[in-house]
């Protein structure tokens, strides 16, 4: 069974899917604890208000949270706003770390 186009795995992202913009939709205290390098921080509750001024609809966006639930909500919001090249990191930053991939602390 094929995976939906709005999902990307940590292995795929780490393998270099090209130029992506990482967007962390977790809360500030989660961001302070750890994050992916070069990520933009826009908490989910602020995403709809801030997206059009801080993100480009032409960018390939990868949204992540802790486990991949909030990032799916974020993808839905962004796609409704016209950000069609938006994907959710499956398993979130927790999956990323479980694979031993680097985070900023």
C-alpha atoms as a PDB file:
ATOM      1  CA  UNK A   1       0.000   0.000   0.000  1.00  0.00           C
ATOM      2  CA  UNK A   2       1.359   3.416  -0.951  1.00  0.00           C
ATOM      3  CA  UNK A   3       1.899   6.035   1.717  1.00  0.00           C
ATOM      4  CA  UNK A   4      -0.001   9.348   1.358  1.00  0.00           C
ATOM      5  CA  UNK A   5       1.937  12.185  -0.255  1.00  0.00           C
ATOM      6  CA  UNK A   6       1.627  14.306   2.882  1.00  0.00           C
ATOM      7  CA  UNK A   7       3.900  11.965   4.909  1.00  0.00           C
ATOM      8  CA  UNK A   8       7.712  11.757   4.931  1.00  0.00           C
ATOM      9  CA  UNK A   9       9.701   9.351   7.103  1.00  0.00           C
ATOM     10  CA  UNK A  10      12.723  10.315   9.167  1.00  0.00           C
ATOM     11  CA  UNK A  11      14.909   8.081   6.984  1.00  0.00           C
ATOM     12  CA  UNK A  12      13.668   9.802   3.824  1.00  0.00           C
ATOM     13  CA  UNK A  13      14.221  13.251   5.304  1.00  0.00           C
ATOM     14  CA  UNK A  14      17.690  12.343   6.578  1.00  0.00           C
ATOM     15  CA  UNK A  15      18.522  10.906   3.155  1.00  0.00           C
ATOM     16  CA  UNK A  16      18.175  14.352   1.683  1.00  0.00           C
ATOM     17  CA  UNK A  17      14.891  14.850  -0.187  1.00  0.00           C
ATOM     18  CA  UNK A  18      16.255  18.088  -1.566  1.00  0.00           C
ATOM     19  CA  UNK A  19      15.818  21.616  -0.301  1.00  0.00           C
ATOM     20  CA  UNK A  20      13.154  21.619   2.426  1.00  0.00           C
ATOM     21  CA  UNK A  21      12.001  24.098   5.015  1.00  0.00           C
ATOM     22  CA  UNK A  22      11.540  22.467   8.421  1.00  0.00           C
ATOM     23  CA  UNK A  23       8.735  23.831  10.575  1.00  0.00           C
ATOM     24  CA  UNK A  24       8.448  22.809  14.234  1.00  0.00           C
ATOM     25  CA  UNK A  25       4.858  23.185  15.502  1.00  0.00           C
ATOM     26  CA  UNK A  26       5.540  22.148  19.103  1.00  0.00           C
ATOM     27  CA  UNK A  27       5.183  24.407  22.129  1.00  0.00           C
ATOM     28  CA  UNK A  28       8.035  26.760  23.159  1.00  0.00           C
ATOM     29  CA  UNK A  29       9.197  24.560  26.037  1.00  0.00           C
ATOM     30  CA  UNK A  30       9.490  21.577  23.657  1.00  0.00           C
ATOM     31  CA  UNK A  31      11.437  23.723  21.166  1.00  0.00           C
ATOM     32  CA  UNK A  32      13.801  24.796  23.968  1.00  0.00           C
ATOM     33  CA  UNK A  33      14.432  21.141  24.872  1.00  0.00           C
ATOM     34  CA  UNK A  34      15.414  19.956  21.373  1.00  0.00           C
ATOM     35  CA  UNK A  35      14.884  20.779  17.716  1.00  0.00           C
ATOM     36  CA  UNK A  36      16.086  19.961  14.229  1.00  0.00           C
ATOM     37  CA  UNK A  37      18.833  22.120  12.767  1.00  0.00           C
ATOM     38  CA  UNK A  38      17.624  25.102  10.695  1.00  0.00           C
ATOM     39  CA  UNK A  39      13.990  24.596  11.718  1.00  0.00           C
ATOM     40  CA  UNK A  40      11.512  27.457  11.968  1.00  0.00           C
ATOM     41  CA  UNK A  41       9.425  27.488  15.133  1.00  0.00           C
ATOM     42  CA  UNK A  42       5.718  28.270  14.735  1.00  0.00           C
ATOM     43  CA  UNK A  43       3.570  26.644  17.449  1.00  0.00           C
ATOM     44  CA  UNK A  44       0.468  24.939  16.063  1.00  0.00           C
ATOM     45  CA  UNK A  45      -1.852  27.429  17.776  1.00  0.00           C
ATOM     46  CA  UNK A  46      -0.161  30.302  15.903  1.00  0.00           C
ATOM     47  CA  UNK A  47       0.281  28.594  12.539  1.00  0.00           C
ATOM     48  CA  UNK A  48      -2.797  29.849  10.715  1.00  0.00           C
ATOM     49  CA  UNK A  49      -2.092  33.454  11.762  1.00  0.00           C
ATOM     50  CA  UNK A  50       1.640  33.391  10.948  1.00  0.00           C
ATOM     51  CA  UNK A  51       1.913  31.056   7.937  1.00  0.00           C
ATOM     52  CA  UNK A  52       1.294  33.495   5.105  1.00  0.00           C
ATOM     53  CA  UNK A  53       3.767  36.072   6.441  1.00  0.00           C
ATOM     54  CA  UNK A  54       6.530  33.637   7.492  1.00  0.00           C
ATOM     55  CA  UNK A  55       6.326  30.752   5.000  1.00  0.00           C
ATOM     56  CA  UNK A  56       6.324  30.574   1.208  1.00  0.00           C
ATOM     57  CA  UNK A  57       3.716  28.485  -0.613  1.00  0.00           C
ATOM     58  CA  UNK A  58       6.439  27.664  -3.156  1.00  0.00           C
ATOM     59  CA  UNK A  59       8.652  25.997  -0.527  1.00  0.00           C
ATOM     60  CA  UNK A  60       8.797  22.271   0.139  1.00  0.00           C
ATOM     61  CA  UNK A  61       7.695  22.281   3.785  1.00  0.00           C
ATOM     62  CA  UNK A  62       8.272  19.447   6.254  1.00  0.00           C
ATOM     63  CA  UNK A  63       6.299  19.937   9.442  1.00  0.00           C
ATOM     64  CA  UNK A  64       7.194  18.130  12.639  1.00  0.00           C
ATOM     65  CA  UNK A  65       6.096  17.850  16.240  1.00  0.00           C
ATOM     66  CA  UNK A  66       6.866  15.292  18.954  1.00  0.00           C
ATOM     67  CA  UNK A  67       5.135  12.216  17.492  1.00  0.00           C
ATOM     68  CA  UNK A  68       3.470  13.296  14.249  1.00  0.00           C
ATOM     69  CA  UNK A  69      -0.058  14.101  15.426  1.00  0.00           C
ATOM     70  CA  UNK A  70       0.095  17.907  15.586  1.00  0.00           C
ATOM     71  CA  UNK A  71       2.131  17.997  12.393  1.00  0.00           C
ATOM     72  CA  UNK A  72      -0.710  16.227  10.553  1.00  0.00           C
ATOM     73  CA  UNK A  73      -3.078  18.931  11.814  1.00  0.00           C
ATOM     74  CA  UNK A  74      -0.586  21.547  10.638  1.00  0.00           C
ATOM     75  CA  UNK A  75      -0.383  19.987   7.168  1.00  0.00           C
ATOM     76  CA  UNK A  76      -4.173  20.152   6.931  1.00  0.00           C
ATOM     77  CA  UNK A  77      -4.186  23.835   7.934  1.00  0.00           C
ATOM     78  CA  UNK A  78      -1.375  24.742   5.552  1.00  0.00           C
ATOM     79  CA  UNK A  79      -2.880  22.884   2.606  1.00  0.00           C
ATOM     80  CA  UNK A  80      -6.167  24.721   3.145  1.00  0.00           C
ATOM     81  CA  UNK A  81      -4.152  27.955   2.964  1.00  0.00           C
ATOM     82  CA  UNK A  82      -2.627  26.931  -0.375  1.00  0.00           C
ATOM     83  CA  UNK A  83       0.666  25.445   0.820  1.00  0.00           C
ATOM     84  CA  UNK A  84       0.430  22.362  -1.397  1.00  0.00           C
ATOM     85  CA  UNK A  85       4.029  21.137  -0.996  1.00  0.00           C
ATOM     86  CA  UNK A  86       3.654  20.329   2.690  1.00  0.00           C
ATOM     87  CA  UNK A  87       4.439  17.037   4.418  1.00  0.00           C
ATOM     88  CA  UNK A  88       4.384  15.717   7.978  1.00  0.00           C
ATOM     89  CA  UNK A  89       7.387  13.980   9.543  1.00  0.00           C
ATOM     90  CA  UNK A  90       6.055  10.521  10.418  1.00  0.00           C
ATOM     91  CA  UNK A  91       6.738   9.802  14.096  1.00  0.00           C
ATOM     92  CA  UNK A  92       7.966  13.346  14.673  1.00  0.00           C
ATOM     93  CA  UNK A  93      11.191  14.325  16.358  1.00  0.00           C
ATOM     94  CA  UNK A  94      10.922  11.251  18.611  1.00  0.00           C
ATOM     95  CA  UNK A  95      11.271   8.946  15.591  1.00  0.00           C
ATOM     96  CA  UNK A  96      14.134  11.123  14.322  1.00  0.00           C
ATOM     97  CA  UNK A  97      15.972  10.739  17.633  1.00  0.00           C
ATOM     98  CA  UNK A  98      15.224   6.993  17.869  1.00  0.00           C
ATOM     99  CA  UNK A  99      17.128   6.564  14.613  1.00  0.00           C
ATOM    100  CA  UNK A 100      20.102   8.311  16.212  1.00  0.00           C
ATOM    101  CA  UNK A 101      19.818  11.354  13.982  1.00  0.00           C
ATOM    102  CA  UNK A 102      21.133  14.690  15.292  1.00  0.00           C
ATOM    103  CA  UNK A 103      19.119  17.293  17.166  1.00  0.00           C
ATOM    104  CA  UNK A 104      20.052  20.620  18.706  1.00  0.00           C
ATOM    105  CA  UNK A 105      19.778  20.747  22.485  1.00  0.00           C
END
